[in-house]
Amino acid sequence: MRYEHGKPENRRRAAFLLGDLRRKLGSSDDALETVVTARAEASMPYWRLSNVAGVHVYRMAEGWHADLAFRNLPVGVPALVGSAVPWGTREEALACAVRQLTLCQGREEIPLPETVDTWPLFVFDHVEMPIEPSEIPGMVESLAREGYGDEQVVGRLAYLRQAIAGDEPLTLETFHAADEEMRRKLMVACMVAMALGRTQFTPADGIWADHMPTVPRMM
């Protein structure tokens, strides 16, 4: 059974655990920061302690997880950051969470950029989605091989708008109200659209009812 980060009970438990773990933080001077993607590097200034909403520690079949949930982030900055691998015990997961919170504490000293690096923006109704440019070239080749074109991506965007906002124009409020998985799917779809040459999507481009028969399952 999948863990639901947005479930009210889990959010309350995560907020309580955050308060408990904050009292265990030490100095961030000796904490090691590992950056694995350009998106993570651009997002890190926003992953600061003052933006942490809660710490989700939970057990799945593969082991224990420790995820930090963030709030007050710009569009395009992931609001959920988890441990790279599952842990064998709850104590190990908690220790991982303390290390991550210590790094967040150190980032309070980093000036906030005005935007997420200099990524190009895909405009979806009233929301500007930063798109990681390094992902575009490889995606163009992959889409060409698969025969996935403009008609399919427009249908996908229309479907996601309907799923998130009920065919009303997408706003920052409705985007942030969607769960993490739905926001991820929307960011991927916008990236695909940009790889196909689109830079925006508005209600004039269609609604889900117009495209429903043409959309394959993907992403």
C-alpha atoms as a PDB file:
ATOM      1  CA  MET A   1       0.000   0.000   0.000  1.00  0.00           C
ATOM      2  CA  ARG A   2       1.386   3.399  -1.016  1.00  0.00           C
ATOM      3  CA  TYR A   3       2.171   5.968   1.659  1.00  0.00           C
ATOM      4  CA  GLU A   4       0.104   9.148   1.187  1.00  0.00           C
ATOM      5  CA  HIS A   5       2.099  12.258   2.096  1.00  0.00           C
ATOM      6  CA  GLY A   6      -0.916  14.528   1.646  1.00  0.00           C
ATOM      7  CA  LYS A   7      -3.208  12.618   4.007  1.00  0.00           C
ATOM      8  CA  PRO A   8      -4.112  14.969   6.912  1.00  0.00           C
ATOM      9  CA  GLU A   9      -3.162  12.430   9.560  1.00  0.00           C
ATOM     10  CA  ASN A  10       0.254  11.854   7.958  1.00  0.00           C
ATOM     11  CA  ARG A  11       0.842  15.600   7.602  1.00  0.00           C
ATOM     12  CA  ARG A  12       0.078  16.181  11.276  1.00  0.00           C
ATOM     13  CA  ARG A  13       2.392  13.357  12.297  1.00  0.00           C
ATOM     14  CA  ALA A  14       5.137  14.721  10.016  1.00  0.00           C
ATOM     15  CA  ALA A  15       4.820  18.239  11.477  1.00  0.00           C
ATOM     16  CA  PHE A  16       5.061  16.865  15.022  1.00  0.00           C
ATOM     17  CA  LEU A  17       8.145  14.797  14.122  1.00  0.00           C
ATOM     18  CA  LEU A  18       9.775  17.869  12.561  1.00  0.00           C
ATOM     19  CA  GLY A  19       9.433  19.742  15.836  1.00  0.00           C
ATOM     20  CA  ASP A  20      10.998  16.842  17.715  1.00  0.00           C
ATOM     21  CA  LEU A  21      13.923  16.421  15.307  1.00  0.00           C
ATOM     22  CA  ARG A  22      14.721  20.137  15.170  1.00  0.00           C
ATOM     23  CA  ARG A  23      15.847  19.904  18.777  1.00  0.00           C
ATOM     24  CA  LYS A  24      18.460  17.339  17.750  1.00  0.00           C
ATOM     25  CA  LEU A  25      20.177  19.406  15.039  1.00  0.00           C
ATOM     26  CA  GLY A  26      23.829  20.229  15.434  1.00  0.00           C
ATOM     27  CA  SER A  27      26.168  22.419  13.412  1.00  0.00           C
ATOM     28  CA  SER A  28      25.843  22.283   9.634  1.00  0.00           C
ATOM     29  CA  ASP A  29      29.537  23.143   9.144  1.00  0.00           C
ATOM     30  CA  ASP A  30      30.568  19.486   8.877  1.00  0.00           C
ATOM     31  CA  ALA A  31      27.542  18.281   6.877  1.00  0.00           C
ATOM     32  CA  LEU A  32      28.358  16.974   3.418  1.00  0.00           C
ATOM     33  CA  GLU A  33      26.259  18.104   0.461  1.00  0.00           C
ATOM     34  CA  THR A  34      25.992  15.802  -2.576  1.00  0.00           C
ATOM     35  CA  VAL A  35      24.440  17.199  -5.772  1.00  0.00           C
ATOM     36  CA  VAL A  36      23.341  14.650  -8.361  1.00  0.00           C
ATOM     37  CA  THR A  37      21.319  16.676 -10.916  1.00  0.00           C
ATOM     38  CA  ALA A  38      21.211  20.223 -12.264  1.00  0.00           C
ATOM     39  CA  ARG A  39      17.626  20.506 -11.064  1.00  0.00           C
ATOM     40  CA  ALA A  40      18.621  19.592  -7.514  1.00  0.00           C
ATOM     41  CA  GLU A  41      21.476  22.102  -7.564  1.00  0.00           C
ATOM     42  CA  ALA A  42      19.127  24.894  -8.665  1.00  0.00           C
ATOM     43  CA  SER A  43      16.510  23.862  -6.088  1.00  0.00           C
ATOM     44  CA  MET A  44      18.776  23.587  -3.051  1.00  0.00           C
ATOM     45  CA  PRO A  45      18.628  27.254  -1.970  1.00  0.00           C
ATOM     46  CA  TYR A  46      14.853  26.795  -1.495  1.00  0.00           C
ATOM     47  CA  TRP A  47      15.238  23.563   0.491  1.00  0.00           C
ATOM     48  CA  ARG A  48      15.945  25.431   3.711  1.00  0.00           C
ATOM     49  CA  LEU A  49      14.808  24.711   7.242  1.00  0.00           C
ATOM     50  CA  SER A  50      12.283  27.539   7.322  1.00  0.00           C
ATOM     51  CA  ASN A  51      10.498  25.942   4.340  1.00  0.00           C
ATOM     52  CA  VAL A  52      10.268  22.433   5.808  1.00  0.00           C
ATOM     53  CA  ALA A  53       6.643  21.571   6.586  1.00  0.00           C
ATOM     54  CA  GLY A  54       7.178  18.088   7.981  1.00  0.00           C
ATOM     55  CA  VAL A  55       9.282  14.928   8.139  1.00  0.00           C
ATOM     56  CA  HIS A  56       7.607  11.732   6.936  1.00  0.00           C
ATOM     57  CA  VAL A  57       9.216   8.575   8.315  1.00  0.00           C
ATOM     58  CA  TYR A  58       7.396   5.402   7.313  1.00  0.00           C
ATOM     59  CA  ARG A  59       7.906   1.755   6.500  1.00  0.00           C
ATOM     60  CA  MET A  60       7.319   0.097   3.118  1.00  0.00           C
ATOM     61  CA  ALA A  61       8.051  -3.424   1.903  1.00  0.00           C
ATOM     62  CA  GLU A  62      11.607  -2.484   0.872  1.00  0.00           C
ATOM     63  CA  GLY A  63      12.473  -0.721   4.135  1.00  0.00           C
ATOM     64  CA  TRP A  64      12.161   2.577   6.023  1.00  0.00           C
ATOM     65  CA  HIS A  65      11.913   5.945   4.261  1.00  0.00           C
ATOM     66  CA  ALA A  66      12.608   9.481   5.461  1.00  0.00           C
ATOM     67  CA  ASP A  67      11.090  12.257   3.312  1.00  0.00           C
ATOM     68  CA  LEU A  68      11.182  16.003   3.883  1.00  0.00           C
ATOM     69  CA  ALA A  69       8.066  17.894   2.776  1.00  0.00           C
ATOM     70  CA  PHE A  70       8.530  21.575   1.875  1.00  0.00           C
ATOM     71  CA  ARG A  71       6.175  24.546   1.542  1.00  0.00           C
ATOM     72  CA  ASN A  72       6.316  28.055   0.020  1.00  0.00           C
ATOM     73  CA  LEU A  73       8.357  26.909  -2.997  1.00  0.00           C
ATOM     74  CA  PRO A  74       8.370  28.316  -6.529  1.00  0.00           C
ATOM     75  CA  VAL A  75       6.776  26.213  -9.257  1.00  0.00           C
ATOM     76  CA  GLY A  76       9.296  23.682 -10.530  1.00  0.00           C
ATOM     77  CA  VAL A  77      11.072  23.138  -7.218  1.00  0.00           C
ATOM     78  CA  PRO A  78      10.220  19.651  -5.881  1.00  0.00           C
ATOM     79  CA  ALA A  79       8.224  19.861  -2.654  1.00  0.00           C
ATOM     80  CA  LEU A  80       9.204  16.374  -1.492  1.00  0.00           C
ATOM     81  CA  VAL A  81      12.795  15.189  -1.006  1.00  0.00           C
ATOM     82  CA  GLY A  82      13.378  11.606   0.064  1.00  0.00           C
ATOM     83  CA  SER A  83      16.310   9.444   1.065  1.00  0.00           C
ATOM     84  CA  ALA A  84      18.199   7.906  -1.849  1.00  0.00           C
ATOM     85  CA  VAL A  85      17.737   4.350  -0.576  1.00  0.00           C
ATOM     86  CA  PRO A  86      15.443   2.711   1.999  1.00  0.00           C
ATOM     87  CA  TRP A  87      16.873   2.097   5.473  1.00  0.00           C
ATOM     88  CA  GLY A  88      16.855  -1.105   7.469  1.00  0.00           C
ATOM     89  CA  THR A  89      15.464   0.383  10.689  1.00  0.00           C
ATOM     90  CA  ARG A  90      13.398   3.349  11.808  1.00  0.00           C
ATOM     91  CA  GLU A  91      16.372   4.641  13.803  1.00  0.00           C
ATOM     92  CA  GLU A  92      18.495   4.781  10.636  1.00  0.00           C
ATOM     93  CA  ALA A  93      15.730   6.614   8.777  1.00  0.00           C
ATOM     94  CA  LEU A  94      15.441   9.145  11.620  1.00  0.00           C
ATOM     95  CA  ALA A  95      19.206   9.682  11.585  1.00  0.00           C
ATOM     96  CA  CYS A  96      18.985  10.319   7.827  1.00  0.00           C
ATOM     97  CA  ALA A  97      16.217  12.869   8.419  1.00  0.00           C
ATOM     98  CA  VAL A  98      18.363  14.676  11.004  1.00  0.00           C
ATOM     99  CA  ARG A  99      21.253  14.863   8.503  1.00  0.00           C
ATOM    100  CA  GLN A 100      18.966  16.267   5.816  1.00  0.00           C
ATOM    101  CA  LEU A 101      17.487  18.826   8.218  1.00  0.00           C
ATOM    102  CA  THR A 102      21.010  19.847   9.226  1.00  0.00           C
ATOM    103  CA  LEU A 103      21.779  20.552   5.556  1.00  0.00           C
ATOM    104  CA  CYS A 104      18.541  22.554   5.305  1.00  0.00           C
ATOM    105  CA  GLN A 105      19.657  24.566   8.329  1.00  0.00           C
ATOM    106  CA  GLY A 106      22.926  25.436   6.584  1.00  0.00           C
ATOM    107  CA  ARG A 107      21.090  26.578   3.445  1.00  0.00           C
ATOM    108  CA  GLU A 108      19.455  29.409   5.399  1.00  0.00           C
ATOM    109  CA  GLU A 109      22.663  31.346   4.686  1.00  0.00           C
ATOM    110  CA  ILE A 110      22.365  30.906   0.891  1.00  0.00           C
ATOM    111  CA  PRO A 111      20.763  33.904  -0.892  1.00  0.00           C
ATOM    112  CA  LEU A 112      17.570  32.994  -2.724  1.00  0.00           C
ATOM    113  CA  PRO A 113      17.741  33.378  -6.506  1.00  0.00           C
ATOM    114  CA  GLU A 114      14.935  35.274  -8.209  1.00  0.00           C
ATOM    115  CA  THR A 115      14.163  32.287 -10.446  1.00  0.00           C
ATOM    116  CA  VAL A 116      15.155  28.650 -10.753  1.00  0.00           C
ATOM    117  CA  ASP A 117      18.501  29.261 -12.446  1.00  0.00           C
ATOM    118  CA  THR A 118      17.958  30.389 -16.055  1.00  0.00           C
ATOM    119  CA  TRP A 119      15.731  27.540 -17.193  1.00  0.00           C
ATOM    120  CA  PRO A 120      13.274  28.250 -20.037  1.00  0.00           C
ATOM    121  CA  LEU A 121       9.654  28.619 -18.964  1.00  0.00           C
ATOM    122  CA  PHE A 122       6.683  26.686 -20.303  1.00  0.00           C
ATOM    123  CA  VAL A 123       3.522  28.732 -19.743  1.00  0.00           C
ATOM    124  CA  PHE A 124       0.568  26.536 -18.746  1.00  0.00           C
ATOM    125  CA  ASP A 125      -2.479  28.806 -18.438  1.00  0.00           C
ATOM    126  CA  HIS A 126      -1.539  31.094 -15.499  1.00  0.00           C
ATOM    127  CA  VAL A 127       1.492  29.094 -14.330  1.00  0.00           C
ATOM    128  CA  GLU A 128       5.089  29.344 -15.554  1.00  0.00           C
ATOM    129  CA  MET A 129       6.866  25.970 -15.404  1.00  0.00           C
ATOM    130  CA  PRO A 130      10.700  26.052 -15.356  1.00  0.00           C
ATOM    131  CA  ILE A 131      12.016  23.315 -17.663  1.00  0.00           C
ATOM    132  CA  GLU A 132      15.465  21.788 -17.182  1.00  0.00           C
ATOM    133  CA  PRO A 133      17.166  22.469 -20.558  1.00  0.00           C
ATOM    134  CA  SER A 134      19.662  19.617 -20.337  1.00  0.00           C
ATOM    135  CA  GLU A 135      16.795  17.100 -20.603  1.00  0.00           C
ATOM    136  CA  ILE A 136      15.425  18.441 -23.902  1.00  0.00           C
ATOM    137  CA  PRO A 137      17.900  17.120 -26.561  1.00  0.00           C
ATOM    138  CA  GLY A 138      17.659  13.466 -25.518  1.00  0.00           C
ATOM    139  CA  MET A 139      13.880  13.724 -25.199  1.00  0.00           C
ATOM    140  CA  VAL A 140      13.533  15.060 -28.754  1.00  0.00           C
ATOM    141  CA  GLU A 141      15.276  11.958 -30.137  1.00  0.00           C
ATOM    142  CA  SER A 142      13.237   9.593 -27.958  1.00  0.00           C
ATOM    143  CA  LEU A 143       9.903  11.159 -28.948  1.00  0.00           C
ATOM    144  CA  ALA A 144      10.804  10.981 -32.629  1.00  0.00           C
ATOM    145  CA  ARG A 145      11.560   7.254 -32.316  1.00  0.00           C
ATOM    146  CA  GLU A 146       8.285   6.592 -30.496  1.00  0.00           C
ATOM    147  CA  GLY A 147       6.172   8.658 -32.887  1.00  0.00           C
ATOM    148  CA  TYR A 148       4.801  10.770 -30.045  1.00  0.00           C
ATOM    149  CA  GLY A 149       3.808  14.120 -31.510  1.00  0.00           C
ATOM    150  CA  ASP A 150       2.016  17.399 -30.904  1.00  0.00           C
ATOM    151  CA  GLU A 151      -1.498  15.962 -30.983  1.00  0.00           C
ATOM    152  CA  GLN A 152      -0.689  13.475 -28.243  1.00  0.00           C
ATOM    153  CA  VAL A 153       1.054  15.955 -25.960  1.00  0.00           C
ATOM    154  CA  VAL A 154      -1.760  18.502 -26.309  1.00  0.00           C
ATOM    155  CA  GLY A 155      -4.200  15.801 -25.275  1.00  0.00           C
ATOM    156  CA  ARG A 156      -1.999  14.869 -22.338  1.00  0.00           C
ATOM    157  CA  LEU A 157      -1.831  18.486 -21.139  1.00  0.00           C
ATOM    158  CA  ALA A 158      -5.602  18.834 -21.484  1.00  0.00           C
ATOM    159  CA  TYR A 159      -6.121  15.659 -19.464  1.00  0.00           C
ATOM    160  CA  LEU A 160      -3.806  16.842 -16.673  1.00  0.00           C
ATOM    161  CA  ARG A 161      -5.530  20.229 -16.495  1.00  0.00           C
ATOM    162  CA  GLN A 162      -8.876  18.459 -16.154  1.00  0.00           C
ATOM    163  CA  ALA A 163      -7.497  16.139 -13.466  1.00  0.00           C
ATOM    164  CA  ILE A 164      -6.018  19.014 -11.443  1.00  0.00           C
ATOM    165  CA  ALA A 165      -8.358  21.948 -12.099  1.00  0.00           C
ATOM    166  CA  GLY A 166     -11.495  20.435 -13.648  1.00  0.00           C
ATOM    167  CA  ASP A 167     -10.977  22.149 -17.028  1.00  0.00           C
ATOM    168  CA  GLU A 168     -10.685  25.571 -15.372  1.00  0.00           C
ATOM    169  CA  PRO A 169      -7.441  27.410 -16.239  1.00  0.00           C
ATOM    170  CA  LEU A 170      -4.544  26.160 -14.131  1.00  0.00           C
ATOM    171  CA  THR A 171      -3.450  28.550 -11.368  1.00  0.00           C
ATOM    172  CA  LEU A 172      -0.687  28.462  -8.781  1.00  0.00           C
ATOM    173  CA  GLU A 173      -3.286  27.623  -6.144  1.00  0.00           C
ATOM    174  CA  THR A 174      -4.655  24.600  -7.999  1.00  0.00           C
ATOM    175  CA  PHE A 175      -1.147  23.466  -8.966  1.00  0.00           C
ATOM    176  CA  HIS A 176       0.084  23.485  -5.359  1.00  0.00           C
ATOM    177  CA  ALA A 177      -3.132  21.818  -4.170  1.00  0.00           C
ATOM    178  CA  ALA A 178      -2.434  18.804  -6.408  1.00  0.00           C
ATOM    179  CA  ASP A 179      -0.500  15.889  -4.953  1.00  0.00           C
ATOM    180  CA  GLU A 180       3.222  15.407  -5.598  1.00  0.00           C
ATOM    181  CA  GLU A 181       2.732  12.677  -8.202  1.00  0.00           C
ATOM    182  CA  MET A 182       0.282  14.759 -10.244  1.00  0.00           C
ATOM    183  CA  ARG A 183       2.610  17.770 -10.164  1.00  0.00           C
ATOM    184  CA  ARG A 184       5.459  15.533 -11.350  1.00  0.00           C
ATOM    185  CA  LYS A 185       3.369  14.243 -14.264  1.00  0.00           C
ATOM    186  CA  LEU A 186       2.484  17.800 -15.237  1.00  0.00           C
ATOM    187  CA  MET A 187       6.135  18.900 -15.201  1.00  0.00           C
ATOM    188  CA  VAL A 188       7.090  15.924 -17.411  1.00  0.00           C
ATOM    189  CA  ALA A 189       4.278  16.704 -19.848  1.00  0.00           C
ATOM    190  CA  CYS A 190       5.394  20.352 -20.078  1.00  0.00           C
ATOM    191  CA  MET A 191       8.952  19.184 -20.737  1.00  0.00           C
ATOM    192  CA  VAL A 192       7.704  16.893 -23.512  1.00  0.00           C
ATOM    193  CA  ALA A 193       5.679  19.750 -25.002  1.00  0.00           C
ATOM    194  CA  MET A 194       8.747  22.001 -25.030  1.00  0.00           C
ATOM    195  CA  ALA A 195      10.807  19.249 -26.651  1.00  0.00           C
ATOM    196  CA  LEU A 196       8.174  19.176 -29.410  1.00  0.00           C
ATOM    197  CA  GLY A 197       8.465  22.931 -29.958  1.00  0.00           C
ATOM    198  CA  ARG A 198       5.628  24.258 -27.810  1.00  0.00           C
ATOM    199  CA  THR A 199       6.215  27.022 -25.280  1.00  0.00           C
ATOM    200  CA  GLN A 200       2.708  27.435 -23.880  1.00  0.00           C
ATOM    201  CA  PHE A 201      -0.677  25.770 -23.435  1.00  0.00           C
ATOM    202  CA  THR A 202      -3.940  27.652 -22.884  1.00  0.00           C
ATOM    203  CA  PRO A 203      -7.664  26.774 -22.915  1.00  0.00           C
ATOM    204  CA  ALA A 204      -7.725  27.924 -26.531  1.00  0.00           C
ATOM    205  CA  ASP A 205      -5.550  24.902 -27.356  1.00  0.00           C
ATOM    206  CA  GLY A 206      -8.344  22.623 -26.196  1.00  0.00           C
ATOM    207  CA  ILE A 207      -9.905  20.918 -23.232  1.00  0.00           C
ATOM    208  CA  TRP A 208      -9.851  17.263 -22.259  1.00  0.00           C
ATOM    209  CA  ALA A 209     -13.168  16.480 -23.982  1.00  0.00           C
ATOM    210  CA  ASP A 210     -11.670  17.611 -27.311  1.00  0.00           C
ATOM    211  CA  HIS A 211      -8.669  15.279 -27.083  1.00  0.00           C
ATOM    212  CA  MET A 212      -9.825  12.315 -25.017  1.00  0.00           C
ATOM    213  CA  PRO A 213      -9.960   9.743 -27.871  1.00  0.00           C
ATOM    214  CA  THR A 214      -6.364  10.466 -29.047  1.00  0.00           C
ATOM    215  CA  VAL A 215      -4.334  10.207 -25.853  1.00  0.00           C
ATOM    216  CA  PRO A 216      -2.234   7.085 -25.212  1.00  0.00           C
ATOM    217  CA  ARG A 217      -1.208   6.179 -21.678  1.00  0.00           C
ATOM    218  CA  MET A 218       2.297   7.426 -20.981  1.00  0.00           C
ATOM    219  CA  MET A 219       4.353   9.324 -18.428  1.00  0.00           C
END
